[in-house]
Amino acid sequence: MDSAPPIFVRQFWSIFLAIAFLALGACTVPIDQATDKSTGFLKELPEGVALIAAPYQNLQEVILKSEDGCYWYHHVGPVETTMLPLRSVGGRPICTEAAAKPASLG
């Protein structure tokens, strides 16, 4: 018996995640208003980001990098402490809509 989900379920999740990522662009607050000046982390994570983020990540210490338009979280591991890209349950990086648009040449 094959345990792989039917193709329509996989397509549904792909479409759902694409819509969720696009919706994030509408939910974000300008970086300078939402950032704690003393720590540099976001004061409040947008609800849409919190809903699609994988549960094993630190959602209390998150930044939105202007260089790539993606969310990064503060990871404290047994060997090192570093910033890692915030990922969805499916493993994809969580970025704003602006990050998905290609840079215009010209």
Protein backbone atom coordinates (compact mmCIF):
# COMPACT_ATOMS: atom_id res chain seq x y z
CA MET A 1 0.00 0.00 0.00
CA ASP A 2 1.49 3.34 -1.09
CA SER A 3 1.58 5.96 1.69
CA ALA A 4 2.31 8.94 -0.60
CA PRO A 5 -0.44 11.58 -0.54
CA PRO A 6 -2.59 11.93 -3.65
CA ILE A 7 -1.35 14.42 -6.23
CA PHE A 8 -4.21 16.86 -5.59
CA VAL A 9 -3.18 17.10 -1.91
CA ARG A 10 0.39 17.99 -2.88
CA GLN A 11 -0.86 20.56 -5.40
CA PHE A 12 -3.18 22.05 -2.77
CA TRP A 13 -0.29 22.55 -0.33
CA SER A 14 1.89 24.10 -3.03
CA ILE A 15 -0.84 26.56 -3.94
CA PHE A 16 -1.60 27.26 -0.27
CA LEU A 17 2.05 28.05 0.49
CA ALA A 18 2.35 30.30 -2.57
CA ILE A 19 -0.72 32.28 -1.50
CA ALA A 20 0.57 32.48 2.07
CA PHE A 21 3.93 33.85 0.91
CA LEU A 22 2.25 36.47 -1.25
CA ALA A 23 -0.03 37.46 1.61
CA LEU A 24 3.00 38.08 3.81
CA GLY A 25 3.92 41.09 1.71
CA ALA A 26 0.63 42.75 2.61
CA CYS A 27 1.03 41.96 6.32
CA THR A 28 4.47 43.38 6.92
CA VAL A 29 5.16 46.62 8.74
CA PRO A 30 8.05 48.88 7.71
CA ILE A 31 11.24 47.56 9.31
CA ASP A 32 12.11 50.73 11.23
CA GLN A 33 8.72 50.79 12.99
CA ALA A 34 8.60 47.12 13.97
CA THR A 35 12.20 46.67 15.18
CA ASP A 36 13.25 46.85 18.81
CA LYS A 37 16.05 49.45 18.84
CA SER A 38 17.98 47.73 21.67
CA THR A 39 18.02 44.18 20.26
CA GLY A 40 17.43 44.64 16.52
CA PHE A 41 14.76 41.92 16.51
CA LEU A 42 11.16 42.42 15.40
CA LYS A 43 8.88 43.52 18.22
CA GLU A 44 6.04 41.42 16.88
CA LEU A 45 6.17 38.73 14.23
CA PRO A 46 3.42 39.12 11.60
CA GLU A 47 0.60 36.64 12.22
CA GLY A 48 0.91 35.10 8.76
CA VAL A 49 4.60 34.38 9.32
CA ALA A 50 3.94 32.79 12.71
CA LEU A 51 1.25 30.56 11.21
CA ILE A 52 3.43 29.06 8.48
CA ALA A 53 6.74 28.87 10.37
CA ALA A 54 8.02 25.45 11.36
CA PRO A 55 7.62 24.87 15.13
CA TYR A 56 11.26 24.13 16.00
CA GLN A 57 12.43 27.72 15.36
CA ASN A 58 12.89 30.63 17.78
CA LEU A 59 10.04 33.01 16.89
CA GLN A 60 10.93 35.40 19.72
CA GLU A 61 14.15 36.65 18.06
CA VAL A 62 13.47 37.26 14.37
CA ILE A 63 14.75 39.89 11.93
CA LEU A 64 13.70 40.82 8.42
CA LYS A 65 16.84 41.31 6.32
CA SER A 66 16.55 44.13 3.82
CA GLU A 67 19.23 42.50 1.62
CA ASP A 68 17.12 39.48 0.72
CA GLY A 69 13.64 40.33 2.07
CA CYS A 70 13.57 37.11 4.11
CA TYR A 71 13.00 36.44 7.80
CA TRP A 72 15.92 35.10 9.86
CA TYR A 73 15.87 33.82 13.44
CA HIS A 74 18.46 33.68 16.22
CA HIS A 75 19.51 30.04 16.68
CA VAL A 76 21.43 29.01 19.79
CA GLY A 77 22.93 25.58 19.25
CA PRO A 78 25.30 23.39 21.27
CA VAL A 79 28.30 24.51 19.22
CA GLU A 80 27.47 27.94 17.84
CA THR A 81 25.00 30.79 17.93
CA THR A 82 24.00 32.12 14.53
CA MET A 83 21.18 33.58 12.44
CA LEU A 84 19.34 31.04 10.27
CA PRO A 85 16.64 31.56 7.65
CA LEU A 86 13.14 31.17 9.04
CA ARG A 87 11.50 28.26 7.22
CA SER A 88 7.98 27.06 6.64
CA VAL A 89 6.77 23.63 7.68
CA GLY A 90 7.59 22.51 4.12
CA GLY A 91 11.21 23.69 4.51
CA ARG A 92 11.04 26.76 2.25
CA PRO A 93 12.48 30.11 3.43
CA ILE A 94 9.85 32.65 4.48
CA CYS A 95 10.29 35.90 2.54
CA THR A 96 8.23 38.98 1.75
CA GLU A 97 6.58 39.58 -1.61
CA ALA A 98 9.26 42.12 -2.51
CA ALA A 99 11.89 39.37 -2.30
CA ALA A 100 10.02 37.30 -4.90
CA LYS A 101 10.06 40.08 -7.53
CA PRO A 102 13.07 40.00 -9.85
CA ALA A 103 15.26 43.07 -9.96
CA SER A 104 14.62 45.20 -13.00
CA LEU A 105 17.53 45.88 -15.28
CA GLY A 106 17.85 49.12 -17.06
